[in-house]
Every structure is written in C-alpha cells, then in structure tokens.
Amino acid sequence: AKTHMKGDYKISYSNAARSTINGIGGSATGAIALAVLGIPSYVPEEEVGKVSMDLTMPATFQTGIKFKPTERLQLNVDAVWADYKEWDAFNIVFDRSSAVLSLARLFSPGSTSTQLSYPLNFQSTWNLAFGAAYDLTGRIQLRAGYEPRASAIPEDRRSPMVPINEARYYSLGLGYKWDKDTDIDLGIGQLRSKDEIPANTSCAANCTGIDNVVYNPYAGLDIKTEATVTIVGLAFRTKF
C-alpha cells in the first residue's frame, strides 16, 4: 500500500548559528566559499514551507495451524512475515532549499538542497504468534494471544525516532453470540518494547565523528527507549 504524506515545516536557527554563517557570508571571500559549498551566505531567524514523503506500507504474509485438543479449547500457532526491507530509507522532500538542508547535503549521501534522505536499512522479519480460544458456554468465547515480535531494525541502526524494536504483544478477547446471525467481539491488546543503545553503537542515533553529524543528535551518549501501545477494539457483525 502506497501513501503520500504532506505537511508544514518550520526551522528555527539559534543566534550562534546565524552569527557564524552570516559573519562568514559578510565578507567577499567568505561569500565565495559558501557559494562553492552551496550554502547561503545569509540565514534568517526561521524558515517555513511545505514538506512531503511517499511511504510504502510493507507487505505481510501469515500462515498457521489450529488445534482442537478438546471440544471447547482451540489453540493457534501462526508464522508471520513482514517485508520491512522495503523501508531502506525515508526520502523527505521540501518545497524549497534551506540553510540546514544545504549543510546536511555535505554530510549525508543521497540528500540534496531540497531532499533529506534518512537511511533506515530495515530488514524483513519472521516471528511466531500464539493464540487460544475457549468456549465457556454456547454463547461466550474467551480468547488470549501472545506474540514475541522480532525487530526489523539492525543493531547499528537503532534510534529513538523508532522506539519499537523487539517487542512483546499480549491480548485478551471476548466473543458473544447474540443470536444465530449476530456476533459481538471485544478485544484489548498491549505492545511493550524496551531497548538500550550504548554510546557509539548506532549511526542513526549516537555515533561520533565528523561524518556522523546529521543523523546522530545523541553522539557519544547512552540511550534507553521504552514504548507501550494499548489497543482496544469492538466489532459487531450480523447477517442480513
């Protein structure tokens, strides 16, 4: 599934950054040097404009098997594949050039004065998912599920921008048969993910070095991330 996203952006510059570039651009020699590098010789307090990005939602494949050890108990085991390798990079397109993009272009392969290429290098994943359903009565069914989800993010590309890496997904559900044609389903699930990124181990977060200035805002720092996502769903199905 392909999605086109668009929105607005605003970039605010500190006095130190403005003074440095404007000071260099204030001389003839400095203006020529900045022009050779493709950097504007004057930077305003802020820049605004439009931004867009094309995003492909990865394909998924799921297959499984169902066991019924008793008349009332059902057990499921699924194998799930997600093609996150599709997310090799996010290419963010701006409607105009800016000072920060001109600087980023010098240190980020694939970026231009109007486009920022954010490298991800994600990988496709396989994992198992487990479920159980129990017919408490002829009308009520109890359900539970557990899925240990593998991470699509390589160790050297971990980032707080995507705080969900290896995760555990827990779910509970209740099915109620209102009549022979109508079913009501209630479900609640929670996804939990924790990660630690030691200093200088991920060049999408905390690598050091002059060639890692764009995508490493936490250079040389240890990072810990934690994400919890709770999902509640209600479904009503009837035949007519």
C-alpha atoms as a PDB file:
ATOM      1  CA  ALA A   1       0.000   0.000   0.000  1.00  0.00           C
ATOM      2  CA  LYS A   2       1.451   3.319  -1.074  1.00  0.00           C
ATOM      3  CA  THR A   3       0.802   6.514   0.864  1.00  0.00           C
ATOM      4  CA  HIS A   4       1.637  10.141   0.046  1.00  0.00           C
ATOM      5  CA  MET A   5       2.026  12.321   3.131  1.00  0.00           C
ATOM      6  CA  LYS A   6       2.424  16.078   3.250  1.00  0.00           C
ATOM      7  CA  GLY A   7       2.572  18.813   5.859  1.00  0.00           C
ATOM      8  CA  ASP A   8       4.247  22.017   7.009  1.00  0.00           C
ATOM      9  CA  TYR A   9       7.691  22.583   8.467  1.00  0.00           C
ATOM     10  CA  LYS A  10       9.369  25.358  10.445  1.00  0.00           C
ATOM     11  CA  ILE A  11      13.122  25.537  11.090  1.00  0.00           C
ATOM     12  CA  SER A  12      14.349  27.925  13.798  1.00  0.00           C
ATOM     13  CA  TYR A  13      18.035  28.905  13.912  1.00  0.00           C
ATOM     14  CA  SER A  14      19.961  29.861  17.043  1.00  0.00           C
ATOM     15  CA  ASN A  15      21.788  33.169  17.255  1.00  0.00           C
ATOM     16  CA  ALA A  16      25.122  31.315  17.295  1.00  0.00           C
ATOM     17  CA  ALA A  17      24.380  29.501  14.029  1.00  0.00           C
ATOM     18  CA  ARG A  18      23.113  32.672  12.349  1.00  0.00           C
ATOM     19  CA  SER A  19      26.046  34.748  13.540  1.00  0.00           C
ATOM     20  CA  THR A  20      28.556  32.173  12.275  1.00  0.00           C
ATOM     21  CA  ILE A  21      27.145  31.812   8.768  1.00  0.00           C
ATOM     22  CA  ASN A  22      26.130  35.458   8.371  1.00  0.00           C
ATOM     23  CA  GLY A  23      29.564  36.527   9.605  1.00  0.00           C
ATOM     24  CA  ILE A  24      31.327  34.348   7.047  1.00  0.00           C
ATOM     25  CA  GLY A  25      28.958  35.466   4.294  1.00  0.00           C
ATOM     26  CA  GLY A  26      29.505  39.094   5.203  1.00  0.00           C
ATOM     27  CA  SER A  27      32.919  39.136   3.524  1.00  0.00           C
ATOM     28  CA  ALA A  28      33.586  38.712  -0.194  1.00  0.00           C
ATOM     29  CA  THR A  29      35.936  35.769   0.358  1.00  0.00           C
ATOM     30  CA  GLY A  30      33.521  34.072   2.773  1.00  0.00           C
ATOM     31  CA  ALA A  31      30.564  34.560   0.422  1.00  0.00           C
ATOM     32  CA  ILE A  32      32.514  32.921  -2.406  1.00  0.00           C
ATOM     33  CA  ALA A  33      33.498  29.975  -0.182  1.00  0.00           C
ATOM     34  CA  LEU A  34      29.899  29.435   0.926  1.00  0.00           C
ATOM     35  CA  ALA A  35      28.694  29.671  -2.673  1.00  0.00           C
ATOM     36  CA  VAL A  36      31.176  26.981  -3.734  1.00  0.00           C
ATOM     37  CA  LEU A  37      29.797  24.711  -0.988  1.00  0.00           C
ATOM     38  CA  GLY A  38      26.203  25.543  -1.945  1.00  0.00           C
ATOM     39  CA  ILE A  39      25.470  27.199   1.406  1.00  0.00           C
ATOM     40  CA  PRO A  40      23.545  30.503   1.568  1.00  0.00           C
ATOM     41  CA  SER A  41      25.525  33.476   2.829  1.00  0.00           C
ATOM     42  CA  TYR A  42      22.617  34.732   4.947  1.00  0.00           C
ATOM     43  CA  VAL A  43      20.404  32.759   7.360  1.00  0.00           C
ATOM     44  CA  PRO A  44      17.130  34.238   8.731  1.00  0.00           C
ATOM     45  CA  GLU A  45      15.724  33.545  12.190  1.00  0.00           C
ATOM     46  CA  GLU A  46      13.416  30.851  10.795  1.00  0.00           C
ATOM     47  CA  GLU A  47      12.378  29.198   7.550  1.00  0.00           C
ATOM     48  CA  VAL A  48       8.934  27.743   6.782  1.00  0.00           C
ATOM     49  CA  GLY A  49       7.448  25.756   3.907  1.00  0.00           C
ATOM     50  CA  LYS A  50       5.806  22.527   2.780  1.00  0.00           C
ATOM     51  CA  VAL A  51       7.179  19.001   3.131  1.00  0.00           C
ATOM     52  CA  SER A  52       6.090  15.655   1.667  1.00  0.00           C
ATOM     53  CA  MET A  53       7.069  11.985   1.639  1.00  0.00           C
ATOM     54  CA  ASP A  54       5.982   8.842  -0.208  1.00  0.00           C
ATOM     55  CA  LEU A  55       5.638   5.853   2.121  1.00  0.00           C
ATOM     56  CA  THR A  56       5.068   2.209   1.155  1.00  0.00           C
ATOM     57  CA  MET A  57       3.424   0.112   3.855  1.00  0.00           C
ATOM     58  CA  PRO A  58       5.269  -3.240   3.903  1.00  0.00           C
ATOM     59  CA  ALA A  59       3.575  -6.389   2.632  1.00  0.00           C
ATOM     60  CA  THR A  60       2.825  -9.088   5.209  1.00  0.00           C
ATOM     61  CA  PHE A  61       2.226 -12.837   4.994  1.00  0.00           C
ATOM     62  CA  GLN A  62       0.742 -15.026   7.682  1.00  0.00           C
ATOM     63  CA  THR A  63       0.114 -18.759   7.818  1.00  0.00           C
ATOM     64  CA  GLY A  64      -0.733 -21.020  10.698  1.00  0.00           C
ATOM     65  CA  ILE A  65      -2.352 -24.106  12.110  1.00  0.00           C
ATOM     66  CA  LYS A  66      -5.254 -24.666  14.501  1.00  0.00           C
ATOM     67  CA  PHE A  67      -5.510 -27.455  17.084  1.00  0.00           C
ATOM     68  CA  LYS A  68      -8.636 -28.539  18.978  1.00  0.00           C
ATOM     69  CA  PRO A  69      -7.429 -30.814  21.788  1.00  0.00           C
ATOM     70  CA  THR A  70     -10.934 -30.736  23.310  1.00  0.00           C
ATOM     71  CA  GLU A  71     -14.354 -29.797  22.042  1.00  0.00           C
ATOM     72  CA  ARG A  72     -14.183 -26.381  23.750  1.00  0.00           C
ATOM     73  CA  LEU A  73     -10.480 -25.480  23.538  1.00  0.00           C
ATOM     74  CA  GLN A  74      -8.787 -24.178  20.375  1.00  0.00           C
ATOM     75  CA  LEU A  75      -5.045 -23.420  20.036  1.00  0.00           C
ATOM     76  CA  ASN A  76      -3.458 -21.451  17.173  1.00  0.00           C
ATOM     77  CA  VAL A  77       0.166 -21.100  16.054  1.00  0.00           C
ATOM     78  CA  ASP A  78       0.927 -18.609  13.278  1.00  0.00           C
ATOM     79  CA  ALA A  79       4.095 -17.742  11.374  1.00  0.00           C
ATOM     80  CA  VAL A  80       4.177 -14.042  10.413  1.00  0.00           C
ATOM     81  CA  TRP A  81       6.420 -12.355   7.817  1.00  0.00           C
ATOM     82  CA  ALA A  82       6.669  -8.593   7.263  1.00  0.00           C
ATOM     83  CA  ASP A  83       8.648  -7.058   4.401  1.00  0.00           C
ATOM     84  CA  TYR A  84      10.232  -4.179   6.328  1.00  0.00           C
ATOM     85  CA  LYS A  85      13.198  -4.370   3.959  1.00  0.00           C
ATOM     86  CA  GLU A  86      11.018  -2.059   1.843  1.00  0.00           C
ATOM     87  CA  TRP A  87      11.974   0.689   4.307  1.00  0.00           C
ATOM     88  CA  ASP A  88      15.561   1.179   3.185  1.00  0.00           C
ATOM     89  CA  ALA A  89      15.310   4.969   3.610  1.00  0.00           C
ATOM     90  CA  PHE A  90      12.752   7.727   4.139  1.00  0.00           C
ATOM     91  CA  ASN A  91      13.108  10.404   1.457  1.00  0.00           C
ATOM     92  CA  ILE A  92      11.640  13.661   2.770  1.00  0.00           C
ATOM     93  CA  VAL A  93      11.049  16.307   0.090  1.00  0.00           C
ATOM     94  CA  PHE A  94      10.933  20.051   0.883  1.00  0.00           C
ATOM     95  CA  ASP A  95       9.345  22.649  -1.393  1.00  0.00           C
ATOM     96  CA  ARG A  96      12.425  24.908  -1.249  1.00  0.00           C
ATOM     97  CA  SER A  97      16.064  24.941  -0.278  1.00  0.00           C
ATOM     98  CA  SER A  98      17.124  25.931   3.235  1.00  0.00           C
ATOM     99  CA  ALA A  99      20.367  26.550   5.061  1.00  0.00           C
ATOM    100  CA  VAL A 100      20.085  23.413   7.179  1.00  0.00           C
ATOM    101  CA  LEU A 101      19.458  21.227   4.102  1.00  0.00           C
ATOM    102  CA  SER A 102      22.404  22.790   2.320  1.00  0.00           C
ATOM    103  CA  LEU A 103      24.626  21.856   5.263  1.00  0.00           C
ATOM    104  CA  ALA A 104      23.112  18.365   5.612  1.00  0.00           C
ATOM    105  CA  ARG A 105      23.763  17.709   1.917  1.00  0.00           C
ATOM    106  CA  LEU A 106      27.523  17.905   2.547  1.00  0.00           C
ATOM    107  CA  PHE A 107      27.436  15.080   5.110  1.00  0.00           C
ATOM    108  CA  SER A 108      24.513  12.906   4.003  1.00  0.00           C
ATOM    109  CA  PRO A 109      24.792  10.783   0.832  1.00  0.00           C
ATOM    110  CA  GLY A 110      21.555  10.842  -1.156  1.00  0.00           C
ATOM    111  CA  SER A 111      20.436  14.210   0.207  1.00  0.00           C
ATOM    112  CA  THR A 112      20.090  17.386  -1.874  1.00  0.00           C
ATOM    113  CA  SER A 113      19.293  21.016  -1.137  1.00  0.00           C
ATOM    114  CA  THR A 114      15.555  20.142  -1.222  1.00  0.00           C
ATOM    115  CA  GLN A 115      15.515  16.490  -0.135  1.00  0.00           C
ATOM    116  CA  LEU A 116      16.684  14.744   3.014  1.00  0.00           C
ATOM    117  CA  SER A 117      17.346  11.006   2.773  1.00  0.00           C
ATOM    118  CA  TYR A 118      17.019   9.359   6.188  1.00  0.00           C
ATOM    119  CA  PRO A 119      18.711   5.915   5.943  1.00  0.00           C
ATOM    120  CA  LEU A 120      16.974   3.101   7.820  1.00  0.00           C
ATOM    121  CA  ASN A 121      18.298  -0.175   6.347  1.00  0.00           C
ATOM    122  CA  PHE A 122      15.448  -2.143   7.927  1.00  0.00           C
ATOM    123  CA  GLN A 123      15.268  -5.911   7.418  1.00  0.00           C
ATOM    124  CA  SER A 124      12.338  -8.247   6.787  1.00  0.00           C
ATOM    125  CA  THR A 125      11.296 -10.394   9.750  1.00  0.00           C
ATOM    126  CA  TRP A 126       9.729 -13.744  10.617  1.00  0.00           C
ATOM    127  CA  ASN A 127       8.176 -14.484  14.006  1.00  0.00           C
ATOM    128  CA  LEU A 128       5.657 -16.822  15.626  1.00  0.00           C
ATOM    129  CA  ALA A 129       2.345 -15.850  17.228  1.00  0.00           C
ATOM    130  CA  PHE A 130       0.292 -17.956  19.650  1.00  0.00           C
ATOM    131  CA  GLY A 131      -3.412 -17.842  20.470  1.00  0.00           C
ATOM    132  CA  ALA A 132      -6.058 -19.723  22.423  1.00  0.00           C
ATOM    133  CA  ALA A 133      -9.850 -19.665  22.483  1.00  0.00           C
ATOM    134  CA  TYR A 134     -12.151 -21.391  24.959  1.00  0.00           C
ATOM    135  CA  ASP A 135     -15.913 -21.828  24.589  1.00  0.00           C
ATOM    136  CA  LEU A 136     -17.131 -21.008  28.073  1.00  0.00           C
ATOM    137  CA  THR A 137     -20.763 -21.521  27.039  1.00  0.00           C
ATOM    138  CA  GLY A 138     -22.603 -21.887  23.763  1.00  0.00           C
ATOM    139  CA  ARG A 139     -22.678 -18.079  23.507  1.00  0.00           C
ATOM    140  CA  ILE A 140     -19.451 -16.879  25.161  1.00  0.00           C
ATOM    141  CA  GLN A 141     -15.898 -17.494  23.947  1.00  0.00           C
ATOM    142  CA  LEU A 142     -12.774 -16.373  25.860  1.00  0.00           C
ATOM    143  CA  ARG A 143      -9.581 -15.599  23.905  1.00  0.00           C
ATOM    144  CA  ALA A 144      -5.917 -14.853  24.638  1.00  0.00           C
ATOM    145  CA  GLY A 145      -2.849 -14.249  22.499  1.00  0.00           C
ATOM    146  CA  TYR A 146       0.897 -13.741  22.747  1.00  0.00           C
ATOM    147  CA  GLU A 147       3.340 -12.646  20.048  1.00  0.00           C
ATOM    148  CA  PRO A 148       7.092 -12.113  20.570  1.00  0.00           C
ATOM    149  CA  ARG A 149       7.819  -9.735  17.685  1.00  0.00           C
ATOM    150  CA  ALA A 150      11.255  -9.664  16.112  1.00  0.00           C
ATOM    151  CA  SER A 151      12.928  -6.332  15.424  1.00  0.00           C
ATOM    152  CA  ALA A 152      13.195  -5.090  11.849  1.00  0.00           C
ATOM    153  CA  ILE A 153      15.927  -2.636  12.880  1.00  0.00           C
ATOM    154  CA  PRO A 154      19.580  -3.786  12.741  1.00  0.00           C
ATOM    155  CA  GLU A 155      21.670  -3.232  15.872  1.00  0.00           C
ATOM    156  CA  ASP A 156      23.690  -0.456  14.210  1.00  0.00           C
ATOM    157  CA  ARG A 157      20.560   1.467  13.099  1.00  0.00           C
ATOM    158  CA  ARG A 158      18.617   1.663  16.392  1.00  0.00           C
ATOM    159  CA  SER A 159      17.125   5.084  17.038  1.00  0.00           C
ATOM    160  CA  PRO A 160      14.755   6.828  19.471  1.00  0.00           C
ATOM    161  CA  MET A 161      12.935   8.061  16.347  1.00  0.00           C
ATOM    162  CA  VAL A 162      11.564   4.490  16.063  1.00  0.00           C
ATOM    163  CA  PRO A 163      11.269   3.354  19.711  1.00  0.00           C
ATOM    164  CA  ILE A 164       9.667  -0.035  18.948  1.00  0.00           C
ATOM    165  CA  ASN A 165      12.313  -2.717  18.368  1.00  0.00           C
ATOM    166  CA  GLU A 166      11.988  -6.241  19.746  1.00  0.00           C
ATOM    167  CA  ALA A 167       8.543  -6.287  21.360  1.00  0.00           C
ATOM    168  CA  ARG A 168       6.039  -8.443  23.224  1.00  0.00           C
ATOM    169  CA  TYR A 169       2.356  -8.270  22.286  1.00  0.00           C
ATOM    170  CA  TYR A 170      -0.283  -9.529  24.743  1.00  0.00           C
ATOM    171  CA  SER A 171      -4.003  -9.675  24.036  1.00  0.00           C
ATOM    172  CA  LEU A 172      -7.289 -10.752  25.608  1.00  0.00           C
ATOM    173  CA  GLY A 173     -10.662 -11.069  23.934  1.00  0.00           C
ATOM    174  CA  LEU A 174     -14.297 -11.952  24.465  1.00  0.00           C
ATOM    175  CA  GLY A 175     -16.741 -13.183  21.853  1.00  0.00           C
ATOM    176  CA  TYR A 176     -20.505 -13.148  22.426  1.00  0.00           C
ATOM    177  CA  LYS A 177     -23.049 -14.746  20.084  1.00  0.00           C
ATOM    178  CA  TRP A 178     -26.126 -12.544  20.348  1.00  0.00           C
ATOM    179  CA  ASP A 179     -28.213 -14.778  18.090  1.00  0.00           C
ATOM    180  CA  LYS A 180     -27.612 -17.149  15.176  1.00  0.00           C
ATOM    181  CA  ASP A 181     -26.844 -14.223  12.834  1.00  0.00           C
ATOM    182  CA  THR A 182     -25.128 -11.718  15.153  1.00  0.00           C
ATOM    183  CA  ASP A 183     -21.705 -11.765  16.869  1.00  0.00           C
ATOM    184  CA  ILE A 184     -20.090  -9.184  19.169  1.00  0.00           C
ATOM    185  CA  ASP A 185     -16.318  -9.244  19.759  1.00  0.00           C
ATOM    186  CA  LEU A 186     -14.348  -7.242  22.308  1.00  0.00           C
ATOM    187  CA  GLY A 187     -10.549  -7.217  22.374  1.00  0.00           C
ATOM    188  CA  ILE A 188      -7.738  -5.459  24.223  1.00  0.00           C
ATOM    189  CA  GLY A 189      -4.044  -5.713  23.436  1.00  0.00           C
ATOM    190  CA  GLN A 190      -0.817  -4.195  24.678  1.00  0.00           C
ATOM    191  CA  LEU A 191       2.526  -3.932  22.896  1.00  0.00           C
ATOM    192  CA  ARG A 192       5.629  -3.412  25.056  1.00  0.00           C
ATOM    193  CA  SER A 193       9.128  -2.653  23.858  1.00  0.00           C
ATOM    194  CA  LYS A 194      12.334  -1.679  25.676  1.00  0.00           C
ATOM    195  CA  ASP A 195      15.760  -1.073  24.199  1.00  0.00           C
ATOM    196  CA  GLU A 196      19.221   0.118  25.193  1.00  0.00           C
ATOM    197  CA  ILE A 197      21.601   1.748  22.699  1.00  0.00           C
ATOM    198  CA  PRO A 198      25.113   2.059  24.188  1.00  0.00           C
ATOM    199  CA  ALA A 199      27.160   5.085  23.105  1.00  0.00           C
ATOM    200  CA  ASN A 200      28.706   4.925  19.645  1.00  0.00           C
ATOM    201  CA  THR A 201      26.883   1.728  18.570  1.00  0.00           C
ATOM    202  CA  SER A 202      24.189   3.098  16.242  1.00  0.00           C
ATOM    203  CA  CYS A 203      24.907   5.543  13.439  1.00  0.00           C
ATOM    204  CA  ALA A 204      21.239   6.528  13.394  1.00  0.00           C
ATOM    205  CA  ALA A 205      21.468   7.920  16.920  1.00  0.00           C
ATOM    206  CA  ASN A 206      24.749   8.198  18.842  1.00  0.00           C
ATOM    207  CA  CYS A 207      27.835   7.640  16.637  1.00  0.00           C
ATOM    208  CA  THR A 208      30.671  10.148  16.938  1.00  0.00           C
ATOM    209  CA  GLY A 209      32.854  11.551  14.164  1.00  0.00           C
ATOM    210  CA  ILE A 210      32.699  14.418  11.681  1.00  0.00           C
ATOM    211  CA  ASP A 211      30.934  12.218   9.103  1.00  0.00           C
ATOM    212  CA  ASN A 212      28.073  11.416  11.516  1.00  0.00           C
ATOM    213  CA  VAL A 213      26.807  14.910  12.310  1.00  0.00           C
ATOM    214  CA  VAL A 214      23.383  14.740  10.594  1.00  0.00           C
ATOM    215  CA  TYR A 215      21.684  11.631  11.996  1.00  0.00           C
ATOM    216  CA  ASN A 216      23.378  11.383  15.379  1.00  0.00           C
ATOM    217  CA  PRO A 217      21.912  14.028  17.694  1.00  0.00           C
ATOM    218  CA  TYR A 218      22.937  11.975  20.757  1.00  0.00           C
ATOM    219  CA  ALA A 219      26.576  11.420  19.719  1.00  0.00           C
ATOM    220  CA  GLY A 220      28.589   9.691  22.435  1.00  0.00           C
ATOM    221  CA  LEU A 221      25.589   9.186  24.761  1.00  0.00           C
ATOM    222  CA  ASP A 222      23.898   6.042  26.078  1.00  0.00           C
ATOM    223  CA  ILE A 223      20.216   5.843  25.089  1.00  0.00           C
ATOM    224  CA  LYS A 224      17.312   3.918  26.580  1.00  0.00           C
ATOM    225  CA  THR A 225      13.907   3.728  24.882  1.00  0.00           C
ATOM    226  CA  GLU A 226      10.599   2.359  26.124  1.00  0.00           C
ATOM    227  CA  ALA A 227       7.253   2.228  24.318  1.00  0.00           C
ATOM    228  CA  THR A 228       3.859   0.905  25.403  1.00  0.00           C
ATOM    229  CA  VAL A 229       0.925   0.815  22.994  1.00  0.00           C
ATOM    230  CA  THR A 230      -2.560  -0.186  24.206  1.00  0.00           C
ATOM    231  CA  ILE A 231      -5.243  -1.107  21.659  1.00  0.00           C
ATOM    232  CA  VAL A 232      -8.966  -1.656  22.334  1.00  0.00           C
ATOM    233  CA  GLY A 233     -11.356  -2.927  19.678  1.00  0.00           C
ATOM    234  CA  LEU A 234     -15.082  -3.664  19.415  1.00  0.00           C
ATOM    235  CA  ALA A 235     -16.663  -5.457  16.460  1.00  0.00           C
ATOM    236  CA  PHE A 236     -20.352  -6.045  15.672  1.00  0.00           C
ATOM    237  CA  ARG A 237     -21.207  -8.469  12.874  1.00  0.00           C
ATOM    238  CA  THR A 238     -24.616  -9.518  11.630  1.00  0.00           C
ATOM    239  CA  LYS A 239     -26.057 -11.232   8.561  1.00  0.00           C
ATOM    240  CA  PHE A 240     -28.999  -9.856   6.606  1.00  0.00           C
END
